[in-house]
Amino acid sequence: MVQQAIEVSAPVHTVYEQLAAFENYPRFMTGVRQVTSLGSDQTHWIMDVDGKRREFDAQIIERSPDERVSWSTMEGPLLAETITVRPMGEAKTQIIAQLEADIAFLMPSDRHGQESLNRRLKDDLTTFKGLVESGVLGGRAIPPSGASSKRMAAHSHTLLPGVSADPATPATVAARIRNRNAAAAAAAAATAAAAAAKAGTGTTAPTGADPAGIAGSARMGGRTAQSDMWGTGMINEEERG
């Protein structure tokens, strides 16, 4: 395991929010191409390891607001990190990162694995510091996640003042759309009925229609689980075809 610390000229909440958003990691973590949320407390990672594409799932172990972020691979070669943030005044934050990795997997051709891993972690933190202090990171709200401590509900999960702390979920968005469409349909029916009554035709608006105009829905497909030839859960791009 290697450990590095660095100070960032930004409030602790801003620093924490960016470290808790794993979608940001390709911007500063060496070798990481993409990190995608799988919902709940899991993420899917795509990395470039010594020129080869590797994929794995990681478990978010802890996300304590303004304090700590911790994650680890779920199977296969070990890759785990714990990042602790500490306020150093109102506008400065100390970051302490501990990285544990299977050196043979992460840097197979490096003969100075532990030393190189330590330098790599330091470089990653320096890159993160530059991104936050320049404002490249820190300007958007972070999507909610199921991984949290018991105190998470007491903290705002936004980066800018005035941004809602509870971003809409797909379910709430769908409900709002249905309610809006139903209200629009009811208003149209009332207008039609009033016009018909005024004209003396006695025509009334049809009933029983689907106000949203939705005939049905279908579930979206999920990601197919795969494993490599060694059964480690790491997937080689060449083996994927």
Protein backbone atom coordinates (compact mmCIF):
# COMPACT_ATOMS: atom_id res chain seq x y z
CA MET A 1 0.00 0.00 0.00
CA VAL A 2 1.17 3.54 -0.76
CA GLN A 3 0.03 6.81 0.77
CA GLN A 4 0.24 10.44 -0.35
CA ALA A 5 -1.13 13.72 0.99
CA ILE A 6 -1.70 17.08 -0.68
CA GLU A 7 -3.39 20.40 0.10
CA VAL A 8 -5.98 21.85 -2.25
CA SER A 9 -7.08 25.48 -2.22
CA ALA A 10 -10.82 24.75 -2.16
CA PRO A 11 -13.48 24.15 0.53
CA VAL A 12 -13.69 20.62 1.89
CA HIS A 13 -17.22 20.12 0.56
CA THR A 14 -16.19 20.96 -3.01
CA VAL A 15 -13.21 18.60 -2.82
CA TYR A 16 -15.27 15.80 -1.34
CA GLU A 17 -18.03 16.10 -3.94
CA GLN A 18 -15.57 15.71 -6.80
CA LEU A 19 -13.89 12.68 -5.22
CA ALA A 20 -17.29 11.10 -4.52
CA ALA A 21 -18.24 11.44 -8.22
CA PHE A 22 -16.42 8.48 -9.73
CA GLU A 23 -17.28 9.68 -13.25
CA ASN A 24 -14.53 12.28 -12.66
CA TYR A 25 -11.76 9.73 -12.12
CA PRO A 26 -10.72 9.39 -15.79
CA ARG A 27 -9.76 13.09 -15.62
CA PHE A 28 -7.05 12.58 -13.03
CA MET A 29 -6.43 8.89 -12.30
CA THR A 30 -3.74 7.37 -14.48
CA GLY A 31 -4.90 4.63 -16.85
CA VAL A 32 -8.63 5.07 -16.18
CA ARG A 33 -10.68 5.49 -19.37
CA GLN A 34 -14.22 5.42 -18.00
CA VAL A 35 -16.15 4.83 -14.77
CA THR A 36 -19.89 4.17 -14.99
CA SER A 37 -22.37 3.85 -12.15
CA LEU A 38 -24.20 0.52 -12.02
CA GLY A 39 -26.67 1.84 -9.50
CA SER A 40 -26.65 1.42 -5.74
CA ASP A 41 -23.06 1.06 -4.52
CA GLN A 42 -21.28 -0.35 -7.58
CA THR A 43 -19.33 1.08 -10.51
CA HIS A 44 -17.92 -0.37 -13.72
CA TRP A 45 -14.36 0.61 -14.67
CA ILE A 46 -12.52 0.53 -17.98
CA MET A 47 -8.75 0.91 -17.72
CA ASP A 48 -5.74 0.89 -19.99
CA VAL A 49 -3.28 -1.49 -18.35
CA ASP A 50 0.05 -1.65 -20.14
CA GLY A 51 -1.65 -0.99 -23.48
CA LYS A 52 -4.47 -3.49 -22.94
CA ARG A 53 -8.10 -2.73 -22.14
CA ARG A 54 -9.25 -4.18 -18.83
CA GLU A 55 -12.70 -3.97 -17.26
CA PHE A 56 -13.89 -4.68 -13.74
CA ASP A 57 -16.61 -3.85 -11.26
CA ALA A 58 -15.87 -2.02 -8.01
CA GLN A 59 -17.77 -1.78 -4.76
CA ILE A 60 -18.16 1.61 -3.07
CA ILE A 61 -17.40 0.76 0.55
CA GLU A 62 -17.88 4.19 2.09
CA ARG A 63 -18.92 7.71 1.13
CA SER A 64 -19.02 9.77 4.32
CA PRO A 65 -19.84 13.38 3.37
CA ASP A 66 -16.92 15.78 3.66
CA GLU A 67 -14.78 13.06 5.26
CA ARG A 68 -13.99 9.90 3.32
CA VAL A 69 -14.43 7.95 0.08
CA SER A 70 -13.45 4.28 -0.13
CA TRP A 71 -13.80 1.69 -2.90
CA SER A 72 -12.37 -1.67 -3.99
CA THR A 73 -12.56 -4.17 -6.85
CA MET A 74 -15.16 -6.86 -6.23
CA GLU A 75 -13.16 -9.76 -7.68
CA GLY A 76 -9.96 -10.44 -9.58
CA PRO A 77 -6.73 -8.48 -9.01
CA LEU A 78 -6.85 -6.12 -6.04
CA LEU A 79 -7.25 -2.40 -6.64
CA ALA A 80 -8.56 -0.39 -3.69
CA GLU A 81 -8.38 3.19 -2.50
CA THR A 82 -9.38 5.18 0.56
CA ILE A 83 -9.37 8.97 0.32
CA THR A 84 -9.78 11.11 3.42
CA VAL A 85 -10.43 14.87 3.28
CA ARG A 86 -9.80 17.29 6.16
CA PRO A 87 -10.67 20.99 6.27
CA MET A 88 -7.65 23.27 6.72
CA GLY A 89 -9.69 26.43 7.16
CA GLU A 90 -12.61 27.65 5.07
CA ALA A 91 -10.84 27.55 1.71
CA LYS A 92 -8.23 24.79 2.04
CA THR A 93 -8.51 21.03 2.24
CA GLN A 94 -5.99 18.29 2.93
CA ILE A 95 -6.37 15.08 0.93
CA ILE A 96 -4.85 11.85 2.23
CA ALA A 97 -5.00 9.00 -0.29
CA GLN A 98 -4.13 5.37 0.38
CA LEU A 99 -3.87 3.10 -2.67
CA GLU A 100 -3.47 -0.65 -2.58
CA ALA A 101 -2.95 -2.56 -5.82
CA ASP A 102 -1.81 -5.81 -7.35
CA ILE A 103 1.39 -4.44 -8.89
CA ALA A 104 1.69 -7.36 -11.31
CA PHE A 105 -1.72 -6.49 -12.71
CA LEU A 106 -1.58 -2.71 -12.66
CA MET A 107 2.01 -2.27 -13.90
CA PRO A 108 3.10 -5.66 -15.28
CA SER A 109 6.17 -4.35 -17.11
CA ASP A 110 7.42 -2.03 -14.35
CA ARG A 111 10.39 -3.41 -12.38
CA HIS A 112 10.03 -0.74 -9.70
CA GLY A 113 6.37 -1.40 -8.93
CA GLN A 114 5.95 -0.01 -5.41
CA GLU A 115 8.05 3.07 -6.10
CA SER A 116 6.25 3.72 -9.37
CA LEU A 117 2.84 3.24 -7.72
CA ASN A 118 3.76 5.81 -5.07
CA ARG A 119 4.83 8.30 -7.74
CA ARG A 120 1.72 7.56 -9.76
CA LEU A 121 -0.54 8.32 -6.79
CA LYS A 122 1.29 11.59 -6.15
CA ASP A 123 0.91 12.62 -9.80
CA ASP A 124 -2.80 11.77 -9.74
CA LEU A 125 -3.37 13.94 -6.67
CA THR A 126 -1.41 16.79 -8.23
CA THR A 127 -3.57 16.57 -11.35
CA PHE A 128 -6.74 16.55 -9.24
CA LYS A 129 -5.51 19.60 -7.31
CA GLY A 130 -4.96 21.51 -10.57
CA LEU A 131 -8.40 20.62 -11.91
CA VAL A 132 -10.20 21.74 -8.74
CA GLU A 133 -8.21 24.93 -8.22
CA SER A 134 -8.65 25.95 -11.87
CA GLY A 135 -12.41 25.39 -11.67
CA VAL A 136 -12.47 22.58 -14.24
CA LEU A 137 -13.93 20.36 -11.51
CA GLY A 138 -16.43 21.78 -9.06
CA GLY A 139 -19.04 23.38 -11.26
CA ARG A 140 -21.83 20.80 -11.46
CA ALA A 141 -24.11 18.90 -9.11
CA ILE A 142 -23.24 15.30 -8.26
CA PRO A 143 -25.88 12.62 -8.96
CA PRO A 144 -27.20 10.82 -5.86
CA SER A 145 -25.90 7.39 -4.91
CA GLY A 146 -27.03 4.65 -2.58
CA ALA A 147 -23.58 4.48 -0.94
CA SER A 148 -23.65 6.73 2.07
CA SER A 149 -23.12 6.99 5.79
CA LYS A 150 -26.02 7.55 8.17
CA ARG A 151 -25.18 11.22 8.22
CA MET A 152 -25.40 11.70 4.46
CA ALA A 153 -29.00 12.96 4.57
CA ALA A 154 -27.88 15.91 6.65
CA HIS A 155 -25.53 17.22 3.96
CA SER A 156 -26.26 19.02 0.72
CA HIS A 157 -25.08 17.14 -2.37
CA THR A 158 -24.61 20.09 -4.65
CA LEU A 159 -21.64 22.14 -5.70
CA LEU A 160 -23.22 25.53 -6.20
CA PRO A 161 -25.52 27.58 -3.95
CA GLY A 162 -29.16 27.42 -5.00
CA VAL A 163 -28.91 24.02 -6.73
CA SER A 164 -31.40 21.46 -5.45
CA ALA A 165 -29.97 18.93 -3.00
CA ASP A 166 -32.34 16.25 -4.28
CA PRO A 167 -31.89 15.79 -8.05
CA ALA A 168 -34.91 14.27 -9.80
CA THR A 169 -34.94 10.51 -10.24
CA PRO A 170 -36.34 8.78 -13.36
CA ALA A 171 -39.43 7.80 -11.36
CA THR A 172 -40.20 11.35 -10.22
CA VAL A 173 -39.58 12.74 -13.70
CA ALA A 174 -42.00 10.19 -15.20
CA ALA A 175 -44.62 11.05 -12.56
CA ARG A 176 -44.28 14.77 -13.32
CA ILE A 177 -44.70 14.10 -17.04
CA ARG A 178 -47.82 11.98 -16.45
CA ASN A 179 -49.35 14.62 -14.17
CA ARG A 180 -48.57 17.39 -16.65
CA ASN A 181 -50.08 15.46 -19.56
CA ALA A 182 -53.18 14.58 -17.53
CA ALA A 183 -53.68 18.23 -16.59
CA ALA A 184 -53.27 19.31 -20.21
CA ALA A 185 -55.77 16.69 -21.40
CA ALA A 186 -58.31 17.73 -18.78
CA ALA A 187 -57.95 21.39 -19.73
CA ALA A 188 -58.42 20.55 -23.42
CA ALA A 189 -61.53 18.48 -22.66
CA ALA A 190 -63.02 21.28 -20.60
CA THR A 191 -62.38 23.78 -23.39
CA ALA A 192 -63.97 21.48 -25.96
CA ALA A 193 -67.03 20.88 -23.76
CA ALA A 194 -67.50 24.61 -23.19
CA ALA A 195 -67.24 25.33 -26.90
CA ALA A 196 -69.73 22.56 -27.73
CA ALA A 197 -72.21 23.80 -25.14
CA LYS A 198 -71.96 27.32 -26.46
CA ALA A 199 -72.55 26.12 -30.00
CA GLY A 200 -75.55 24.07 -28.83
CA THR A 201 -74.25 20.83 -30.31
CA GLY A 202 -74.25 18.97 -27.05
CA THR A 203 -70.90 17.40 -27.94
CA THR A 204 -68.90 16.26 -24.95
CA ALA A 205 -65.27 15.37 -24.66
CA PRO A 206 -64.41 11.67 -24.95
CA THR A 207 -63.72 9.83 -21.72
CA GLY A 208 -61.36 7.01 -20.84
CA ALA A 209 -58.57 8.26 -23.10
CA ASP A 210 -54.98 7.85 -22.00
CA PRO A 211 -53.96 11.45 -21.28
CA ALA A 212 -50.30 10.67 -21.65
CA GLY A 213 -50.80 8.92 -24.98
CA ILE A 214 -48.53 6.07 -23.91
CA ALA A 215 -49.45 2.65 -25.27
CA GLY A 216 -46.98 0.69 -23.19
CA SER A 217 -43.44 0.48 -21.93
CA ALA A 218 -40.54 -1.92 -22.11
CA ARG A 219 -37.66 -2.57 -19.77
CA MET A 220 -34.25 -1.42 -20.82
CA GLY A 221 -31.61 -4.08 -21.25
CA GLY A 222 -28.80 -4.41 -18.74
CA ARG A 223 -25.11 -5.10 -19.08
CA THR A 224 -24.17 -8.72 -19.73
CA ALA A 225 -21.84 -10.16 -17.12
CA GLN A 226 -18.54 -11.30 -18.54
CA SER A 227 -15.28 -12.73 -17.27
CA ASP A 228 -11.90 -13.35 -18.85
CA MET A 229 -10.23 -16.68 -19.51
CA TRP A 230 -8.59 -16.65 -16.07
CA GLY A 231 -11.92 -16.18 -14.30
CA THR A 232 -10.70 -13.02 -12.59
CA GLY A 233 -13.48 -10.73 -13.75
CA MET A 234 -10.97 -8.65 -15.77
CA ILE A 235 -11.84 -8.53 -19.46
CA ASN A 236 -9.18 -8.22 -22.15
CA GLU A 237 -10.30 -6.20 -25.18
CA GLU A 238 -8.64 -8.73 -27.51
CA GLU A 239 -10.63 -11.58 -25.93
CA ARG A 240 -13.89 -9.64 -26.24
CA GLY A 241 -13.63 -9.79 -30.03
